[in-house]
């Protein structure tokens, strides 16, 4: 396999830091470029009587978009080592957004962390990493939170 475009899904968690570190290490080995993707989960919008979005939603989105870019920059600064990095940020559900961004960017590999939740929470909520692995058109590397990638 020859990975030239590696998409790394990140959020504000330690497991996504481990995924970013692993993804950049793979990128070095394959001389690949990297895209960091952060998905902003949609917030149910309040609609005014005149059918416009309530300012609270728009302000929340603006803050989330700004926070997302700050997060992506922090991940790049911490792990990239100068590797060319593209930022992808979109409002969507996590799994669907990651898969869609991967398809649009043309990634050869997706690297994603997992919290490793089990039991009732996993049964009810499922796993974003598992969903991405099942639906992705390219290979998916899942980095468990308990991995020793420090």
N, C-alpha and C. Protein backbone atom coordinates (compact mmCIF):
# COMPACT_ATOMS: atom_id res chain seq x y z
N UNK A 1 0.83 -1.18 0.00
CA UNK A 1 0.00 0.00 0.00
C UNK A 1 0.88 1.25 0.00
N UNK A 2 0.40 2.24 -0.71
CA UNK A 2 1.14 3.48 -0.80
C UNK A 2 0.21 4.63 -0.42
N UNK A 3 0.41 5.15 0.77
CA UNK A 3 -0.45 6.21 1.28
C UNK A 3 0.18 7.57 0.95
N UNK A 4 -0.51 8.34 0.11
CA UNK A 4 -0.03 9.67 -0.25
C UNK A 4 -0.87 10.78 0.37
N UNK A 5 -2.09 10.45 0.76
CA UNK A 5 -2.98 11.43 1.38
C UNK A 5 -3.61 10.78 2.60
N UNK A 6 -3.25 11.28 3.78
CA UNK A 6 -3.72 10.71 5.04
C UNK A 6 -4.63 11.71 5.73
N UNK A 7 -5.86 11.28 5.99
CA UNK A 7 -6.82 12.11 6.71
C UNK A 7 -6.82 11.69 8.17
N UNK A 8 -6.62 12.65 9.06
CA UNK A 8 -6.62 12.37 10.50
C UNK A 8 -7.79 13.10 11.12
N UNK A 9 -8.69 12.33 11.74
CA UNK A 9 -9.87 12.91 12.40
C UNK A 9 -9.49 13.28 13.83
N UNK A 10 -9.74 14.52 14.19
CA UNK A 10 -9.39 14.98 15.53
C UNK A 10 -10.55 15.71 16.19
N UNK A 11 -10.56 15.61 17.51
CA UNK A 11 -11.43 16.43 18.34
C UNK A 11 -10.57 16.88 19.51
N UNK A 12 -11.17 17.36 20.53
CA UNK A 12 -10.40 17.89 21.65
C UNK A 12 -10.25 16.81 22.73
N UNK A 13 -9.56 15.70 22.39
CA UNK A 13 -9.42 14.59 23.32
C UNK A 13 -8.02 13.99 23.23
N UNK A 14 -7.65 13.25 24.26
CA UNK A 14 -6.34 12.60 24.25
C UNK A 14 -6.28 11.51 23.19
N UNK A 15 -7.40 10.83 22.94
CA UNK A 15 -7.35 9.77 21.94
C UNK A 15 -7.15 10.34 20.54
N UNK A 16 -7.64 11.53 20.27
CA UNK A 16 -7.39 12.11 18.94
C UNK A 16 -5.96 12.64 18.85
N UNK A 17 -5.36 13.04 19.97
CA UNK A 17 -3.94 13.40 19.95
C UNK A 17 -3.09 12.19 19.58
N UNK A 18 -3.44 11.03 20.13
CA UNK A 18 -2.71 9.80 19.80
C UNK A 18 -2.89 9.47 18.32
N UNK A 19 -4.09 9.67 17.81
CA UNK A 19 -4.34 9.42 16.40
C UNK A 19 -3.53 10.39 15.53
N UNK A 20 -3.48 11.66 15.92
CA UNK A 20 -2.70 12.65 15.16
C UNK A 20 -1.22 12.29 15.14
N UNK A 21 -0.70 11.90 16.28
CA UNK A 21 0.71 11.52 16.36
C UNK A 21 0.99 10.33 15.46
N UNK A 22 0.14 9.30 15.52
CA UNK A 22 0.32 8.11 14.68
C UNK A 22 0.17 8.46 13.20
N UNK A 23 -0.82 9.28 12.88
CA UNK A 23 -1.05 9.66 11.48
C UNK A 23 0.13 10.40 10.88
N UNK A 24 0.69 11.33 11.64
CA UNK A 24 1.85 12.07 11.15
C UNK A 24 3.08 11.16 11.03
N UNK A 25 3.23 10.21 11.95
CA UNK A 25 4.35 9.27 11.85
C UNK A 25 4.25 8.43 10.58
N UNK A 26 3.04 8.01 10.24
CA UNK A 26 2.83 7.26 9.00
C UNK A 26 3.10 8.16 7.80
N UNK A 27 2.67 9.41 7.87
CA UNK A 27 2.90 10.36 6.77
C UNK A 27 4.39 10.54 6.50
N UNK A 28 5.20 10.57 7.56
CA UNK A 28 6.65 10.70 7.38
C UNK A 28 7.19 9.49 6.63
N UNK A 29 6.75 8.31 7.02
CA UNK A 29 7.24 7.07 6.40
C UNK A 29 6.87 6.96 4.93
N UNK A 30 5.69 7.47 4.56
CA UNK A 30 5.21 7.36 3.19
C UNK A 30 5.37 8.66 2.39
N UNK A 31 6.00 9.67 2.98
CA UNK A 31 6.14 10.97 2.34
C UNK A 31 4.78 11.47 1.85
N UNK A 32 3.80 11.42 2.74
CA UNK A 32 2.42 11.75 2.40
C UNK A 32 2.05 13.13 2.91
N UNK A 33 1.01 13.70 2.33
CA UNK A 33 0.45 14.92 2.87
C UNK A 33 -0.69 14.54 3.81
N UNK A 34 -1.05 15.45 4.69
CA UNK A 34 -2.04 15.19 5.74
C UNK A 34 -3.16 16.21 5.67
N UNK A 35 -4.36 15.73 5.94
CA UNK A 35 -5.50 16.62 6.19
C UNK A 35 -6.00 16.32 7.59
N UNK A 36 -6.12 17.35 8.38
CA UNK A 36 -6.74 17.23 9.70
C UNK A 36 -8.20 17.62 9.54
N UNK A 37 -9.10 16.76 10.01
CA UNK A 37 -10.52 17.07 9.92
C UNK A 37 -11.11 17.13 11.32
N UNK A 38 -11.90 18.17 11.53
CA UNK A 38 -12.65 18.32 12.78
C UNK A 38 -14.10 18.58 12.40
N UNK A 39 -14.97 17.77 12.95
CA UNK A 39 -16.39 17.88 12.63
C UNK A 39 -17.09 18.65 13.75
N UNK A 40 -17.84 19.66 13.35
CA UNK A 40 -18.65 20.42 14.29
C UNK A 40 -20.04 19.79 14.26
N UNK A 41 -20.41 19.16 15.36
CA UNK A 41 -21.72 18.50 15.43
C UNK A 41 -22.81 19.57 15.39
N UNK A 42 -23.85 19.35 14.59
CA UNK A 42 -24.91 20.36 14.50
C UNK A 42 -25.68 20.50 15.81
N UNK A 43 -26.05 21.72 16.09
CA UNK A 43 -26.87 22.03 17.25
C UNK A 43 -28.28 22.30 16.74
N UNK A 44 -29.28 21.72 17.37
CA UNK A 44 -30.64 22.02 16.90
C UNK A 44 -30.88 23.53 16.87
N UNK A 45 -31.27 24.01 15.72
CA UNK A 45 -31.45 25.45 15.55
C UNK A 45 -32.79 25.92 16.08
N UNK A 46 -32.76 27.10 16.67
CA UNK A 46 -34.00 27.77 17.05
C UNK A 46 -34.40 28.64 15.86
N UNK A 47 -35.63 28.46 15.41
CA UNK A 47 -36.09 29.23 14.26
C UNK A 47 -37.05 30.31 14.74
N UNK A 48 -36.77 31.53 14.31
CA UNK A 48 -37.64 32.66 14.64
C UNK A 48 -38.93 32.57 13.82
N UNK A 49 -39.97 33.29 14.24
CA UNK A 49 -41.24 33.26 13.49
C UNK A 49 -41.09 33.67 12.02
N UNK A 50 -40.10 34.51 11.70
CA UNK A 50 -39.91 34.92 10.32
C UNK A 50 -39.00 33.94 9.55
N UNK A 51 -38.80 32.75 10.13
CA UNK A 51 -38.03 31.66 9.52
C UNK A 51 -36.54 31.96 9.36
N UNK A 52 -36.00 32.82 10.19
CA UNK A 52 -34.56 33.04 10.21
C UNK A 52 -33.97 32.29 11.40
N UNK A 53 -32.71 31.95 11.31
CA UNK A 53 -32.06 31.27 12.43
C UNK A 53 -31.86 32.23 13.58
N UNK A 54 -32.05 31.73 14.75
CA UNK A 54 -31.85 32.55 15.94
C UNK A 54 -30.38 32.92 16.05
N UNK A 55 -30.06 34.12 16.51
CA UNK A 55 -28.67 34.55 16.64
C UNK A 55 -27.83 33.63 17.52
N UNK A 56 -28.44 32.97 18.48
CA UNK A 56 -27.70 32.07 19.36
C UNK A 56 -27.04 30.97 18.55
N UNK A 57 -27.78 30.39 17.60
CA UNK A 57 -27.22 29.32 16.77
C UNK A 57 -26.06 29.84 15.93
N UNK A 58 -26.25 30.98 15.30
CA UNK A 58 -25.20 31.52 14.44
C UNK A 58 -23.95 31.85 15.24
N UNK A 59 -24.14 32.42 16.42
CA UNK A 59 -23.00 32.73 17.27
C UNK A 59 -22.29 31.46 17.71
N UNK A 60 -23.06 30.44 18.06
CA UNK A 60 -22.47 29.15 18.47
C UNK A 60 -21.66 28.57 17.34
N UNK A 61 -22.21 28.61 16.12
CA UNK A 61 -21.49 28.08 14.97
C UNK A 61 -20.20 28.85 14.74
N UNK A 62 -20.26 30.17 14.78
CA UNK A 62 -19.06 30.98 14.58
C UNK A 62 -17.99 30.61 15.59
N UNK A 63 -18.39 30.46 16.86
CA UNK A 63 -17.43 30.08 17.89
C UNK A 63 -16.87 28.69 17.65
N UNK A 64 -17.73 27.76 17.24
CA UNK A 64 -17.28 26.39 16.99
C UNK A 64 -16.31 26.35 15.81
N UNK A 65 -16.60 27.10 14.76
CA UNK A 65 -15.73 27.14 13.59
C UNK A 65 -14.37 27.72 13.97
N UNK A 66 -14.38 28.80 14.74
CA UNK A 66 -13.13 29.41 15.19
C UNK A 66 -12.36 28.45 16.10
N UNK A 67 -13.07 27.81 17.04
CA UNK A 67 -12.42 26.85 17.94
C UNK A 67 -11.86 25.66 17.17
N UNK A 68 -12.57 25.24 16.14
CA UNK A 68 -12.12 24.12 15.33
C UNK A 68 -10.79 24.44 14.66
N UNK A 69 -10.69 25.64 14.09
CA UNK A 69 -9.44 26.02 13.42
C UNK A 69 -8.29 26.17 14.42
N UNK A 70 -8.59 26.64 15.62
CA UNK A 70 -7.57 26.72 16.66
C UNK A 70 -7.07 25.32 17.01
N UNK A 71 -8.00 24.38 17.16
CA UNK A 71 -7.64 22.99 17.47
C UNK A 71 -6.78 22.39 16.36
N UNK A 72 -7.18 22.58 15.11
CA UNK A 72 -6.42 22.02 13.99
C UNK A 72 -5.01 22.60 13.95
N UNK A 73 -4.88 23.88 14.18
CA UNK A 73 -3.56 24.52 14.20
C UNK A 73 -2.70 23.96 15.34
N UNK A 74 -3.30 23.76 16.51
CA UNK A 74 -2.56 23.20 17.64
C UNK A 74 -2.06 21.79 17.32
N UNK A 75 -2.92 20.97 16.72
CA UNK A 75 -2.51 19.60 16.35
C UNK A 75 -1.38 19.62 15.33
N UNK A 76 -1.50 20.51 14.34
CA UNK A 76 -0.44 20.61 13.34
C UNK A 76 0.87 21.04 13.99
N UNK A 77 0.83 22.06 14.82
CA UNK A 77 2.05 22.56 15.47
C UNK A 77 2.69 21.49 16.35
N UNK A 78 1.87 20.70 17.01
CA UNK A 78 2.38 19.71 17.95
C UNK A 78 2.98 18.48 17.26
N UNK A 79 2.39 18.05 16.12
CA UNK A 79 2.77 16.76 15.56
C UNK A 79 3.30 16.77 14.13
N UNK A 80 3.11 17.83 13.36
CA UNK A 80 3.38 17.76 11.92
C UNK A 80 4.85 17.68 11.54
N UNK A 81 5.70 18.35 12.29
CA UNK A 81 7.11 18.35 11.90
C UNK A 81 7.33 18.92 10.51
N UNK A 82 6.48 19.84 10.08
CA UNK A 82 6.65 20.48 8.78
C UNK A 82 5.94 19.80 7.63
N UNK A 83 5.20 18.74 7.88
CA UNK A 83 4.46 18.05 6.82
C UNK A 83 3.32 18.94 6.34
N UNK A 84 3.15 18.99 5.02
CA UNK A 84 2.07 19.77 4.44
C UNK A 84 0.74 19.31 5.02
N UNK A 85 -0.03 20.25 5.58
CA UNK A 85 -1.29 19.92 6.24
C UNK A 85 -2.42 20.79 5.72
N UNK A 86 -3.53 20.14 5.41
CA UNK A 86 -4.75 20.81 4.99
C UNK A 86 -5.74 20.75 6.14
N UNK A 87 -6.48 21.83 6.35
CA UNK A 87 -7.51 21.84 7.39
C UNK A 87 -8.87 21.62 6.75
N UNK A 88 -9.64 20.71 7.34
CA UNK A 88 -11.00 20.47 6.89
C UNK A 88 -11.92 20.59 8.11
N UNK A 89 -12.92 21.41 7.99
CA UNK A 89 -13.85 21.64 9.10
C UNK A 89 -15.24 21.79 8.51
N UNK A 90 -16.18 21.02 9.02
CA UNK A 90 -17.52 21.04 8.45
C UNK A 90 -18.54 20.76 9.55
N UNK A 91 -19.73 21.31 9.39
CA UNK A 91 -20.84 21.01 10.30
C UNK A 91 -21.54 19.76 9.77
N UNK A 92 -21.53 18.71 10.56
CA UNK A 92 -22.12 17.43 10.14
C UNK A 92 -22.12 16.50 11.35
N UNK A 93 -22.68 15.32 11.18
CA UNK A 93 -22.50 14.30 12.22
C UNK A 93 -21.09 13.75 12.06
N UNK A 94 -20.51 13.26 13.12
CA UNK A 94 -19.09 12.89 13.11
C UNK A 94 -18.74 11.88 12.03
N UNK A 95 -19.37 10.72 12.04
CA UNK A 95 -19.00 9.66 11.10
C UNK A 95 -19.26 10.08 9.66
N UNK A 96 -20.43 10.64 9.39
CA UNK A 96 -20.76 11.04 8.02
C UNK A 96 -19.80 12.13 7.54
N UNK A 97 -19.52 13.10 8.39
CA UNK A 97 -18.62 14.19 8.01
C UNK A 97 -17.21 13.70 7.70
N UNK A 98 -16.70 12.78 8.50
CA UNK A 98 -15.35 12.24 8.27
C UNK A 98 -15.30 11.50 6.93
N UNK A 99 -16.30 10.66 6.69
CA UNK A 99 -16.32 9.89 5.44
C UNK A 99 -16.46 10.82 4.24
N UNK A 100 -17.35 11.80 4.34
CA UNK A 100 -17.55 12.72 3.22
C UNK A 100 -16.28 13.54 2.93
N UNK A 101 -15.65 14.04 3.99
CA UNK A 101 -14.43 14.82 3.78
C UNK A 101 -13.31 13.94 3.21
N UNK A 102 -13.24 12.70 3.65
CA UNK A 102 -12.26 11.76 3.11
C UNK A 102 -12.48 11.54 1.62
N UNK A 103 -13.72 11.32 1.23
CA UNK A 103 -14.04 11.10 -0.18
C UNK A 103 -13.72 12.34 -1.02
N UNK A 104 -14.12 13.51 -0.52
CA UNK A 104 -13.90 14.75 -1.28
C UNK A 104 -12.41 15.08 -1.40
N UNK A 105 -11.64 14.83 -0.35
CA UNK A 105 -10.22 15.15 -0.37
C UNK A 105 -9.41 14.07 -1.09
N UNK A 106 -9.98 12.88 -1.20
CA UNK A 106 -9.31 11.78 -1.89
C UNK A 106 -8.27 11.07 -1.05
N UNK A 107 -8.56 10.88 0.23
CA UNK A 107 -7.57 10.27 1.11
C UNK A 107 -7.36 8.79 0.80
N UNK A 108 -6.14 8.32 1.08
CA UNK A 108 -5.77 6.92 0.90
C UNK A 108 -5.86 6.16 2.22
N UNK A 109 -5.93 6.89 3.34
CA UNK A 109 -5.99 6.31 4.67
C UNK A 109 -6.66 7.30 5.61
N UNK A 110 -7.51 6.78 6.48
CA UNK A 110 -8.10 7.58 7.55
C UNK A 110 -7.52 7.08 8.86
N UNK A 111 -7.04 7.99 9.70
CA UNK A 111 -6.56 7.64 11.04
C UNK A 111 -7.51 8.30 12.03
N UNK A 112 -8.02 7.50 12.95
CA UNK A 112 -9.01 7.99 13.91
C UNK A 112 -8.77 7.33 15.26
N UNK A 113 -8.97 8.08 16.30
CA UNK A 113 -8.85 7.53 17.65
C UNK A 113 -10.20 7.03 18.13
N UNK A 114 -10.16 6.18 19.14
CA UNK A 114 -11.39 5.69 19.74
C UNK A 114 -11.27 5.75 21.25
N UNK A 115 -12.39 6.06 21.89
CA UNK A 115 -12.40 6.17 23.34
C UNK A 115 -12.36 4.80 24.01
N UNK A 116 -12.75 3.77 23.29
CA UNK A 116 -12.75 2.43 23.86
C UNK A 116 -13.88 2.20 24.84
N UNK A 117 -15.00 2.88 24.63
CA UNK A 117 -16.15 2.69 25.53
C UNK A 117 -16.78 1.33 25.28
N UNK A 118 -17.33 0.77 26.33
CA UNK A 118 -17.99 -0.53 26.22
C UNK A 118 -19.33 -0.47 26.92
N UNK A 119 -20.00 -1.59 26.96
CA UNK A 119 -21.23 -1.70 27.72
C UNK A 119 -22.40 -0.94 27.13
N UNK A 120 -23.26 -0.44 28.00
CA UNK A 120 -24.50 0.20 27.59
C UNK A 120 -24.25 1.44 26.74
N UNK A 121 -23.26 2.26 27.11
CA UNK A 121 -22.99 3.48 26.33
C UNK A 121 -22.64 3.11 24.89
N UNK A 122 -21.77 2.11 24.73
CA UNK A 122 -21.38 1.70 23.38
C UNK A 122 -22.58 1.13 22.62
N UNK A 123 -23.40 0.36 23.32
CA UNK A 123 -24.59 -0.21 22.69
C UNK A 123 -25.54 0.88 22.21
N UNK A 124 -25.77 1.89 23.03
CA UNK A 124 -26.71 2.94 22.69
C UNK A 124 -26.14 3.93 21.67
N UNK A 125 -24.88 4.30 21.84
CA UNK A 125 -24.30 5.37 21.02
C UNK A 125 -23.53 4.85 19.82
N UNK A 126 -23.07 3.60 19.88
CA UNK A 126 -22.24 3.10 18.80
C UNK A 126 -20.87 3.74 18.86
N UNK A 127 -20.09 3.51 17.85
CA UNK A 127 -18.75 4.06 17.80
C UNK A 127 -18.55 4.77 16.47
N UNK A 128 -18.11 6.01 16.54
CA UNK A 128 -17.82 6.76 15.32
C UNK A 128 -16.73 6.03 14.53
N UNK A 129 -15.70 5.57 15.22
CA UNK A 129 -14.59 4.87 14.53
C UNK A 129 -15.09 3.62 13.81
N UNK A 130 -15.95 2.85 14.48
CA UNK A 130 -16.48 1.64 13.84
C UNK A 130 -17.32 2.00 12.62
N UNK A 131 -18.15 3.02 12.74
CA UNK A 131 -18.99 3.43 11.61
C UNK A 131 -18.13 3.89 10.44
N UNK A 132 -17.11 4.66 10.72
CA UNK A 132 -16.20 5.13 9.67
C UNK A 132 -15.52 3.93 9.01
N UNK A 133 -15.05 2.98 9.82
CA UNK A 133 -14.37 1.80 9.27
C UNK A 133 -15.30 0.98 8.37
N UNK A 134 -16.57 0.88 8.74
CA UNK A 134 -17.51 0.10 7.93
C UNK A 134 -17.88 0.80 6.63
N UNK A 135 -17.98 2.11 6.64
CA UNK A 135 -18.52 2.84 5.48
C UNK A 135 -17.45 3.48 4.58
N UNK A 136 -16.22 3.55 5.03
CA UNK A 136 -15.18 4.24 4.28
C UNK A 136 -14.77 3.48 3.02
N UNK A 137 -14.43 4.25 1.99
CA UNK A 137 -13.94 3.66 0.74
C UNK A 137 -12.44 3.36 0.81
N UNK A 138 -11.76 3.86 1.83
CA UNK A 138 -10.32 3.63 1.96
C UNK A 138 -10.04 2.96 3.31
N UNK A 139 -8.84 2.42 3.51
CA UNK A 139 -8.51 1.80 4.79
C UNK A 139 -8.61 2.79 5.94
N UNK A 140 -8.96 2.26 7.12
CA UNK A 140 -9.09 3.07 8.33
C UNK A 140 -8.22 2.46 9.41
N UNK A 141 -7.36 3.27 10.00
CA UNK A 141 -6.53 2.85 11.13
C UNK A 141 -7.14 3.44 12.39
N UNK A 142 -7.56 2.55 13.29
CA UNK A 142 -8.19 2.99 14.54
C UNK A 142 -7.15 2.87 15.65
N UNK A 143 -6.88 4.00 16.30
CA UNK A 143 -5.91 4.06 17.40
C UNK A 143 -6.67 4.04 18.72
N UNK A 144 -6.51 2.96 19.50
CA UNK A 144 -7.22 2.92 20.78
C UNK A 144 -6.64 3.91 21.78
N UNK A 145 -7.47 4.42 22.66
CA UNK A 145 -7.04 5.40 23.64
C UNK A 145 -5.97 4.83 24.58
N UNK A 146 -6.03 3.53 24.82
CA UNK A 146 -5.07 2.93 25.73
C UNK A 146 -3.74 2.58 25.07
N UNK A 147 -3.57 2.92 23.79
CA UNK A 147 -2.31 2.63 23.11
C UNK A 147 -1.17 3.47 23.68
N UNK A 148 0.03 2.97 23.56
CA UNK A 148 1.21 3.68 24.08
C UNK A 148 1.92 4.40 22.95
N UNK A 149 1.34 5.50 22.50
CA UNK A 149 1.94 6.28 21.41
C UNK A 149 2.47 7.59 21.98
N UNK A 150 2.94 7.58 23.19
CA UNK A 150 3.41 8.83 23.81
C UNK A 150 4.83 9.12 23.50
